Protein backbone atom coordinates (compact mmCIF):
# COMPACT_ATOMS: atom_id res chain seq x y z
CA MET A 1 109.43 -98.06 77.12
CA VAL A 2 110.90 -101.50 76.64
CA SER A 3 108.43 -104.19 77.70
CA ALA A 4 109.04 -106.82 80.37
CA ARG A 5 108.85 -109.45 77.64
CA PHE A 6 111.90 -107.93 76.00
CA TRP A 7 114.02 -108.41 79.15
CA ILE A 8 112.77 -111.97 79.52
CA PHE A 9 113.76 -112.87 75.99
CA ALA A 10 117.00 -110.89 76.15
CA GLY A 11 117.80 -113.11 79.13
CA SER A 12 116.96 -116.19 77.09
CA ILE A 13 119.46 -115.31 74.37
CA PHE A 14 122.09 -114.71 77.07
CA CYS A 15 121.40 -118.18 78.39
CA GLY A 16 121.72 -119.53 74.86
CA ILE A 17 125.14 -117.92 74.47
CA CYS A 18 126.24 -119.40 77.77
CA ALA A 19 125.14 -122.79 76.47
CA PHE A 20 128.10 -122.78 74.07
CA GLY A 21 130.16 -123.89 77.02
CA GLN A 22 127.88 -126.76 78.02
CA ALA A 23 129.07 -130.32 77.58
CA ASP A 24 127.63 -132.24 74.65
CA SER A 25 126.48 -134.92 77.09
CA ALA A 26 124.02 -132.57 78.85
CA PRO A 27 120.60 -134.23 79.33
CA PRO A 28 117.90 -133.33 76.80
CA ASP A 29 115.76 -130.37 77.81
CA PRO A 30 112.05 -131.05 78.36
CA LEU A 31 109.49 -129.10 76.36
CA PHE A 32 106.87 -127.06 78.18
CA THR A 33 104.27 -128.12 75.59
CA ALA A 34 105.21 -131.80 76.01
CA ASP A 35 104.29 -131.67 79.69
CA LEU A 36 101.16 -129.67 78.90
CA ASN A 37 100.00 -132.03 76.15
CA LYS A 38 100.35 -135.07 78.43
CA LYS A 39 97.64 -133.58 80.63
CA LEU A 40 95.26 -132.90 77.75
CA PRO A 41 93.01 -135.21 75.71
CA ALA A 42 94.83 -137.01 72.90
CA TRP A 43 92.92 -135.10 70.19
CA VAL A 44 94.28 -131.67 71.18
CA SER A 45 97.88 -130.48 71.46
CA PHE A 46 99.86 -127.23 71.61
CA PHE A 47 103.19 -126.18 70.09
CA GLY A 48 105.32 -123.06 70.33
CA GLU A 49 108.59 -121.41 69.41
CA GLU A 50 110.66 -118.43 70.54
CA ARG A 51 113.47 -116.83 68.55
CA VAL A 52 115.70 -113.89 69.42
CA ARG A 53 118.30 -112.49 67.02
CA TRP A 54 120.63 -109.52 67.15
CA GLU A 55 122.00 -108.31 63.84
CA SER A 56 123.70 -105.27 62.38
CA TYR A 57 122.93 -104.23 58.81
CA HIS A 58 124.59 -101.20 57.24
CA SER A 59 125.62 -100.00 60.74
CA ASP A 60 122.05 -100.25 62.07
CA GLY A 61 122.16 -102.67 65.01
CA TYR A 62 118.85 -103.99 66.35
CA LEU A 63 117.23 -106.91 68.17
CA LEU A 64 114.55 -109.09 66.59
CA GLN A 65 112.22 -111.17 68.73
CA ARG A 66 109.56 -113.58 67.50
CA PHE A 67 107.07 -115.67 69.48
CA ARG A 68 104.77 -118.33 68.01
CA TRP A 69 102.03 -120.31 69.70
CA GLY A 70 99.78 -122.85 68.03
CA MET A 71 97.21 -125.57 68.57
CA THR A 72 96.32 -128.76 66.70
CA ILE A 73 92.90 -130.38 67.01
CA ARG A 74 92.80 -133.93 65.58
CA PRO A 75 89.40 -135.54 66.16
CA SER A 76 90.30 -138.43 63.81
CA SER A 77 93.33 -139.87 62.02
CA TRP A 78 92.23 -138.35 58.68
CA PHE A 79 91.22 -134.85 59.82
CA LYS A 80 92.92 -132.06 61.75
CA ILE A 81 92.65 -128.31 62.34
CA VAL A 82 95.79 -126.22 62.93
CA SER A 83 95.97 -122.63 64.12
CA GLU A 84 99.03 -120.53 64.97
CA THR A 85 99.52 -116.97 66.14
CA GLN A 86 102.72 -114.95 65.87
CA ASP A 87 104.08 -111.84 67.59
CA ALA A 88 107.17 -110.37 65.87
CA ARG A 89 108.90 -107.26 67.23
CA VAL A 90 112.04 -105.23 66.62
CA TYR A 91 113.92 -103.15 69.20
CA PHE A 92 116.44 -100.34 68.73
CA GLN A 93 116.01 -100.14 64.94
CA GLN A 94 116.52 -96.70 63.43
CA ALA A 95 113.63 -97.05 60.96
CA THR A 96 109.94 -97.08 61.90
CA PRO A 97 109.04 -100.68 62.86
CA ALA A 98 107.15 -102.47 60.07
CA PRO A 99 107.12 -105.82 58.23
CA PRO A 100 109.31 -107.77 57.63
CA TYR A 101 110.86 -106.66 60.96
CA GLN A 102 107.71 -106.17 63.05
CA ASN A 103 104.15 -107.48 62.93
CA THR A 104 102.53 -107.62 66.35
CA TRP A 105 100.07 -110.39 67.19
CA ASP A 106 98.84 -111.74 63.88
CA LEU A 107 97.20 -114.93 62.69
CA ARG A 108 99.99 -116.86 60.97
CA GLN A 109 98.26 -120.17 60.19
CA ALA A 110 94.68 -121.43 60.31
CA TYR A 111 93.83 -124.43 58.14
CA ALA A 112 91.88 -127.67 58.00
CA GLU A 113 93.50 -130.80 56.55
CA PHE A 114 91.69 -133.86 55.25
CA GLY A 115 94.08 -136.79 55.01
CA ASP A 116 97.83 -136.25 55.44
CA ILE A 117 99.67 -134.04 52.93
CA GLU A 118 102.92 -135.90 53.65
CA SER A 119 101.72 -139.51 53.37
CA SER A 120 98.10 -140.06 52.24
CA PRO A 121 97.16 -141.12 48.68
CA ILE A 122 94.86 -138.10 48.58
CA ALA A 123 94.82 -135.10 50.90
CA LEU A 124 93.41 -131.58 50.97
CA ARG A 125 94.60 -128.61 53.03
CA VAL A 126 92.47 -125.45 53.04
CA GLY A 127 93.17 -122.15 54.82
CA ARG A 128 96.14 -120.03 55.85
CA GLN A 129 99.26 -122.17 55.53
CA GLU A 130 102.94 -122.42 54.62
CA ILE A 131 103.91 -123.34 51.05
CA ARG A 132 107.39 -124.55 50.11
CA LEU A 133 108.21 -125.34 46.48
CA GLY A 134 111.47 -125.93 44.64
CA GLY A 135 113.66 -126.03 47.72
CA GLU A 136 112.03 -122.65 48.45
CA ARG A 137 113.87 -121.11 45.49
CA MET A 138 110.49 -120.56 43.82
CA VAL A 139 108.02 -120.34 46.71
CA GLY A 140 108.90 -120.40 50.41
CA VAL A 141 108.12 -119.11 53.87
CA SER A 142 111.21 -116.87 54.19
CA ASN A 143 111.62 -118.00 57.78
CA TRP A 144 114.80 -115.96 58.35
CA THR A 145 112.78 -112.75 58.19
CA ASN A 146 111.17 -111.87 61.48
CA THR A 147 107.61 -112.04 60.14
CA SER A 148 107.94 -114.97 57.71
CA ARG A 149 105.37 -115.65 54.94
CA THR A 150 102.16 -117.64 54.58
CA PHE A 151 99.41 -118.03 51.99
CA ASP A 152 95.64 -118.25 51.97
CA ALA A 153 95.41 -121.38 49.88
CA ALA A 154 93.81 -124.66 48.91
CA ARG A 155 96.28 -127.49 48.27
CA LEU A 156 95.24 -130.88 46.88
CA THR A 157 97.81 -133.69 46.97
CA LEU A 158 97.56 -136.89 44.92
CA ARG A 159 100.10 -139.67 45.52
CA ARG A 160 100.63 -143.02 43.83
CA GLY A 161 103.81 -145.06 44.21
CA ARG A 162 106.81 -142.93 43.26
CA PHE A 163 104.64 -140.09 41.94
CA ARG A 164 103.07 -137.13 43.69
CA LEU A 165 101.21 -134.12 42.28
CA ASP A 166 100.19 -131.01 44.22
CA THR A 167 97.54 -128.67 42.81
CA ILE A 168 97.61 -125.24 44.45
CA ALA A 169 95.37 -122.17 44.37
CA SER A 170 96.69 -119.40 46.62
CA SER A 171 97.16 -115.73 47.48
CA VAL A 172 100.08 -114.44 49.53
CA VAL A 173 99.16 -112.91 52.91
CA VAL A 174 100.13 -109.23 53.00
CA LEU A 175 101.25 -108.13 56.48
CA ARG A 176 100.46 -104.73 58.01
CA ASP A 177 101.68 -104.10 61.53
CA GLY A 178 98.80 -103.80 63.98
CA GLN A 179 96.30 -105.50 61.66
CA VAL A 180 95.40 -109.07 60.80
CA GLY A 181 97.20 -109.96 57.57
CA SER A 182 95.05 -110.50 54.50
CA ALA A 183 95.41 -111.33 50.81
CA ASP A 184 95.10 -108.55 48.23
CA ALA A 185 92.23 -109.13 45.81
CA GLY A 186 93.37 -110.42 42.44
CA ASN A 187 96.96 -111.14 43.53
CA ASN A 188 96.98 -114.89 42.97
CA LEU A 189 99.43 -117.75 42.54
CA HIS A 190 98.19 -121.07 41.18
CA GLY A 191 99.89 -124.11 39.77
CA PHE A 192 100.90 -127.75 39.63
CA TYR A 193 103.98 -129.14 41.35
CA GLY A 194 105.13 -132.72 40.84
CA PHE A 195 107.52 -135.09 42.60
CA ILE A 196 109.02 -138.20 40.99
CA THR A 197 111.07 -140.30 43.41
CA ASP A 198 114.14 -142.16 42.13
CA PRO A 199 114.04 -141.45 38.37
CA VAL A 200 117.63 -142.55 38.91
CA PRO A 201 118.63 -144.04 42.29
CA SER A 202 118.73 -141.65 45.28
CA SER A 203 117.26 -138.67 43.45
CA THR A 204 114.06 -136.68 43.06
CA LEU A 205 112.77 -134.90 39.96
CA GLU A 206 110.32 -132.02 40.52
CA PRO A 207 108.58 -130.66 37.40
CA TYR A 208 106.19 -127.74 37.84
CA LEU A 209 104.00 -125.10 36.23
CA LEU A 210 103.09 -121.97 38.20
CA TRP A 211 100.73 -119.17 37.15
CA ARG A 212 100.72 -115.70 38.71
CA LEU A 213 98.20 -112.89 38.35
CA GLN A 214 99.32 -109.58 39.84
CA PRO A 215 97.13 -106.47 39.40
CA ARG A 216 98.27 -102.84 39.31
CA THR A 217 101.67 -103.62 37.79
CA ALA A 218 103.51 -100.92 35.80
CA ALA A 219 104.05 -101.69 32.13
CA GLU A 220 107.04 -100.62 30.02
CA SER A 221 104.71 -99.48 27.25
CA GLY A 222 102.91 -97.15 29.66
CA GLY A 223 100.13 -97.37 32.21
CA SER A 224 99.51 -100.37 34.42
CA GLY A 225 97.56 -103.57 34.34
CA THR A 226 97.52 -107.19 35.48
CA LEU A 227 100.67 -109.26 35.09
CA ASN A 228 99.68 -112.63 33.64
CA ALA A 229 102.76 -114.85 33.72
CA LYS A 230 103.66 -118.53 33.93
CA TRP A 231 106.79 -120.23 35.27
CA SER A 232 107.57 -123.69 33.90
CA GLY A 233 110.58 -125.65 35.02
CA ALA A 234 112.05 -128.57 36.89
CA ARG A 235 114.38 -129.27 39.78
CA TRP A 236 116.52 -132.40 40.10
CA VAL A 237 118.32 -133.22 43.36
CA GLY A 238 120.15 -136.34 44.45
CA LYS A 239 123.22 -138.13 45.77
CA VAL A 240 125.81 -140.49 44.31
CA ARG A 241 127.74 -142.05 47.21
CA ALA A 242 129.59 -139.16 48.88
CA ALA A 243 128.61 -136.64 46.18
CA ASP A 244 125.43 -134.57 46.05
CA TYR A 245 123.97 -132.41 43.30
CA ALA A 246 121.09 -130.09 42.43
CA VAL A 247 120.04 -128.65 39.08
CA GLY A 248 117.15 -126.31 38.39
CA LEU A 249 115.89 -124.48 35.30
CA VAL A 250 112.83 -122.22 35.11
CA PHE A 251 111.36 -120.26 32.20
CA GLU A 252 109.04 -117.28 32.62
CA HIS A 253 106.57 -116.22 29.92
CA GLY A 254 103.52 -114.01 29.90
CA SER A 255 102.06 -110.59 29.26
CA LEU A 256 101.49 -107.22 30.91
CA VAL A 257 99.17 -104.86 29.01
CA LYS A 258 101.00 -104.64 25.63
CA ASP A 259 104.32 -105.90 27.03
CA ASN A 260 105.73 -109.38 26.58
CA VAL A 261 107.35 -111.21 29.50
CA ASN A 262 110.26 -113.47 28.61
CA ALA A 263 112.95 -114.45 31.17
CA TRP A 264 114.70 -117.48 32.63
CA ALA A 265 116.92 -118.56 35.51
CA GLY A 266 119.05 -121.51 36.53
CA HIS A 267 120.72 -123.13 39.54
CA TRP A 268 123.56 -125.66 39.51
CA LEU A 269 125.22 -127.15 42.61
CA THR A 270 127.61 -130.00 43.33
CA GLY A 271 129.15 -131.09 46.61
CA TYR A 272 131.39 -133.85 47.97
CA THR A 273 131.69 -135.03 51.59
CA LEU A 274 135.11 -136.29 52.62
CA GLN A 275 135.24 -139.34 54.88
CA ARG A 276 137.60 -137.89 57.48
CA ALA A 277 137.62 -135.84 60.68
CA TRP A 278 134.99 -133.09 60.79
CA ALA A 279 133.28 -134.66 57.72
CA PRO A 280 133.99 -131.62 55.50
CA ARG A 281 131.64 -131.11 52.57
CA ILE A 282 133.23 -129.11 49.76
CA PHE A 283 130.78 -127.54 47.33
CA ALA A 284 130.43 -125.14 44.44
CA GLU A 285 127.31 -123.62 42.94
CA TYR A 286 126.33 -121.21 40.20
CA ASN A 287 123.09 -119.21 39.99
CA PHE A 288 121.91 -117.22 37.00
CA ALA A 289 118.92 -114.96 36.25
CA THR A 290 118.26 -112.79 33.21
CA GLY A 291 118.12 -109.00 33.24
CA ASP A 292 116.58 -106.33 31.00
CA GLY A 293 118.83 -104.04 28.95
CA ASN A 294 116.04 -101.74 27.72
CA PRO A 295 113.24 -100.65 30.08
CA LYS A 296 111.25 -98.98 27.29
CA ASP A 297 111.04 -101.63 24.55
CA GLY A 298 107.93 -103.44 25.83
CA GLN A 299 109.90 -106.59 26.67
CA HIS A 300 110.19 -107.66 30.32
CA ASN A 301 113.37 -109.72 30.52
CA THR A 302 114.25 -109.38 34.23
CA PHE A 303 113.48 -112.68 35.93
CA ASP A 304 110.79 -112.49 38.63
CA GLN A 305 111.83 -114.58 41.65
CA LEU A 306 108.22 -115.03 42.81
CA TYR A 307 107.93 -115.71 46.57
CA ALA A 308 111.35 -117.27 47.09
CA THR A 309 113.23 -117.79 50.33
CA ASN A 310 116.51 -116.14 49.36
CA HIS A 311 118.43 -115.71 52.62
CA ASP A 312 121.81 -117.49 52.48
CA ARG A 313 121.15 -118.79 48.97
CA TYR A 314 122.97 -115.83 47.46
CA GLY A 315 124.94 -114.70 50.52
CA LEU A 316 124.31 -113.95 54.18
CA ALA A 317 124.21 -110.17 53.70
CA ASP A 318 120.98 -110.47 51.65
CA GLU A 319 122.28 -107.82 49.26
CA VAL A 320 121.73 -109.99 46.19
CA GLY A 321 118.58 -111.68 44.90
CA TRP A 322 117.78 -114.02 41.99
CA ARG A 323 117.32 -111.28 39.35
CA ASN A 324 119.77 -110.00 36.70
CA ILE A 325 122.65 -111.83 38.33
CA ASN A 326 125.52 -114.23 37.84
CA HIS A 327 126.45 -115.72 41.21
CA LEU A 328 129.27 -118.16 41.91
CA ARG A 329 129.72 -119.58 45.42
CA ILE A 330 132.33 -121.97 46.79
CA GLY A 331 132.55 -123.21 50.36
CA VAL A 332 133.12 -125.85 53.01
CA ASP A 333 130.59 -127.14 55.56
CA THR A 334 131.93 -129.08 58.57
CA THR A 335 130.83 -130.75 61.81
CA PRO A 336 133.80 -130.17 64.16
CA ARG A 337 132.00 -131.91 67.06
CA PRO A 338 128.65 -133.63 67.60
CA LYS A 339 125.85 -131.04 67.61
CA TRP A 340 128.16 -128.39 66.13
CA ALA A 341 128.21 -127.14 62.53
CA ALA A 342 130.47 -124.58 60.90
CA SER A 343 130.72 -123.17 57.37
CA ILE A 344 132.90 -120.78 55.41
CA ARG A 345 131.92 -119.57 51.93
CA TYR A 346 132.88 -117.00 49.35
CA ASN A 347 130.56 -115.42 46.78
CA PHE A 348 131.30 -113.69 43.45
CA TYR A 349 128.68 -111.46 41.83
CA TRP A 350 128.26 -110.04 38.31
CA LEU A 351 125.22 -108.37 36.79
CA GLU A 352 123.83 -110.25 33.80
CA ASP A 353 123.03 -106.94 32.06
CA ALA A 354 124.93 -103.78 33.04
CA HIS A 355 121.96 -101.58 32.04
CA ASP A 356 119.67 -103.29 34.56
CA ALA A 357 119.78 -103.00 38.37
CA LEU A 358 121.23 -105.00 41.23
CA TYR A 359 118.27 -106.43 43.19
CA ASP A 360 118.19 -107.59 46.82
CA THR A 361 116.56 -110.73 48.21
CA ARG A 362 113.11 -109.06 48.26
CA GLY A 363 113.40 -107.99 44.64
CA ASN A 364 114.02 -104.32 45.47
CA VAL A 365 116.51 -102.22 43.51
CA VAL A 366 119.80 -101.77 45.38
CA ALA A 367 121.55 -99.69 42.72
CA LYS A 368 121.28 -98.98 38.99
CA VAL A 369 123.29 -97.18 36.30
CA ALA A 370 120.95 -97.18 33.30
CA ASN A 371 123.59 -96.36 30.68
CA GLY A 372 125.69 -99.38 31.71
CA SER A 373 128.82 -97.33 32.35
CA ALA A 374 129.37 -98.87 35.82
CA GLY A 375 130.04 -102.28 34.34
CA ARG A 376 128.89 -105.67 35.59
CA TRP A 377 131.27 -106.52 38.46
CA VAL A 378 129.24 -106.15 41.69
CA GLY A 379 131.76 -107.53 44.19
CA GLY A 380 132.39 -110.43 46.53
CA GLU A 381 131.20 -111.61 49.93
CA LEU A 382 132.83 -113.71 52.65
CA ASP A 383 130.38 -115.65 54.85
CA MET A 384 131.09 -117.53 58.07
CA LEU A 385 128.54 -119.47 60.14
CA LEU A 386 128.59 -121.40 63.41
CA ARG A 387 125.72 -123.12 65.20
CA HIS A 388 125.25 -125.47 68.13
CA GLN A 389 122.31 -127.72 68.97
CA ILE A 390 121.34 -127.60 72.65
CA GLY A 391 119.44 -130.69 73.68
CA LYS A 392 116.55 -131.58 71.41
CA SER A 393 114.73 -128.28 71.29
CA SER A 394 117.14 -125.33 71.21
CA GLN A 395 119.84 -123.93 68.99
CA VAL A 396 122.26 -121.03 69.22
CA GLY A 397 124.22 -119.66 66.30
CA ALA A 398 126.31 -116.83 64.95
CA GLY A 399 127.20 -115.54 61.51
CA TYR A 400 129.35 -112.92 59.88
CA ALA A 401 129.32 -111.52 56.34
CA ARG A 402 131.83 -109.11 54.81
CA PHE A 403 130.71 -107.57 51.53
CA PHE A 404 133.48 -106.24 49.28
CA THR A 405 132.17 -103.77 46.72
CA GLY A 406 133.19 -104.11 43.09
CA THR A 407 133.34 -101.59 40.26
CA PHE A 408 129.56 -101.39 39.80
CA LEU A 409 128.80 -100.56 43.45
CA ARG A 410 131.75 -98.19 43.78
CA ILE A 411 130.33 -96.12 40.91
CA ALA A 412 126.61 -96.49 41.67
CA THR A 413 126.81 -96.02 45.48
CA PRO A 414 129.23 -94.55 48.06
CA GLY A 415 131.08 -97.81 47.48
CA ARG A 416 132.04 -98.73 51.03
CA SER A 417 132.47 -102.35 52.01
CA TYR A 418 130.49 -103.32 55.09
CA ASN A 419 129.97 -106.02 57.72
CA VAL A 420 126.80 -107.95 58.63
CA PRO A 421 127.17 -109.87 61.93
CA TYR A 422 124.34 -111.67 63.73
CA LEU A 423 123.72 -113.84 66.79
CA TYR A 424 120.57 -115.85 67.49
CA PHE A 425 118.90 -118.21 69.92
CA ILE A 426 115.85 -120.31 69.01
CA THR A 427 113.91 -122.81 71.10
CA ARG A 428 110.80 -124.91 70.78
CA LEU A 429 108.52 -124.40 73.76
């Protein structure tokens, strides 16, 4: 039986859709938590969020609903405690509900922070928390998924002038519907992440070294053991007048039983904003990640994308991840009216190695032809997005992706092109 909460939140998304027709001059909407917090002592406050999204993926249409509620206790300017719970549910899905679609009533965040991670010369955050590194291309929260991602971690931040260094020891929280999420023993991610502001004007350089230990991993040479691998790289982002750019390179080295791990990946982006109506930003980007042509030679060459947030970085359909891929994307982002944003993009995909697989955004195999006879051309994808800000706290949006299968997918799968539409409403409470 569908719960009463479902009908309440289905009504909220209907109201969000109706808001498309509201005038841009509508008064800002008050937050429920703002009124609540005014009545509470200054050292305690609440925050919340509700999101509803309908989407159709491979002809399976379903409704995703996510509710978050949190509390901050700040007894002094240099110390705070944050806790947040989350209830994520899916309705009408053909498959059995499970993460990343459903995870009912779980503890999403619970940490103590000494100092301020974003501004203090020295700060420490300990507990269950979000971690975002490398524009989330390396480590992120994957907020588009209904359950999202957090880590049990300790994060020490040191800051001096233009320099900042984060030292992180963490384990990803593994979600199991109906249970409180927990980290798997021995599955750890540690590292150093730096920030250098203005190495050249209006830019940021982010060098890093990350170290992952993952037990019970299958080896090419037989058996299984602990993956011991390191990712070293840097990300450089900035602007030059109306132009913007981003460059990232990362190299992966390590061992797994008797196997050697050796892979790399790169990201290059440039954009230019025209000073005219709708302020169109024209951009192009190229993403690359190595593959493995021989799964039995004791050499792991397929790039491991770690805990990246991949949605919309390699296409809206989420059919392609940052592994064994060449990805070219061109597009235009516009603001046709205040509080409105629209985008149109086209993606081109080739496998880096025809003997390796096509991987999705979660690193799972989509299709593989081991002898390489299907070629490298995966296909193309057209993406269109539209969103509207409602007041200060709400947003409604829609998207559409059309995936056109290339030679590889036509040979390796039934080969049908498909559509991925979605519609969402999100509001802070």
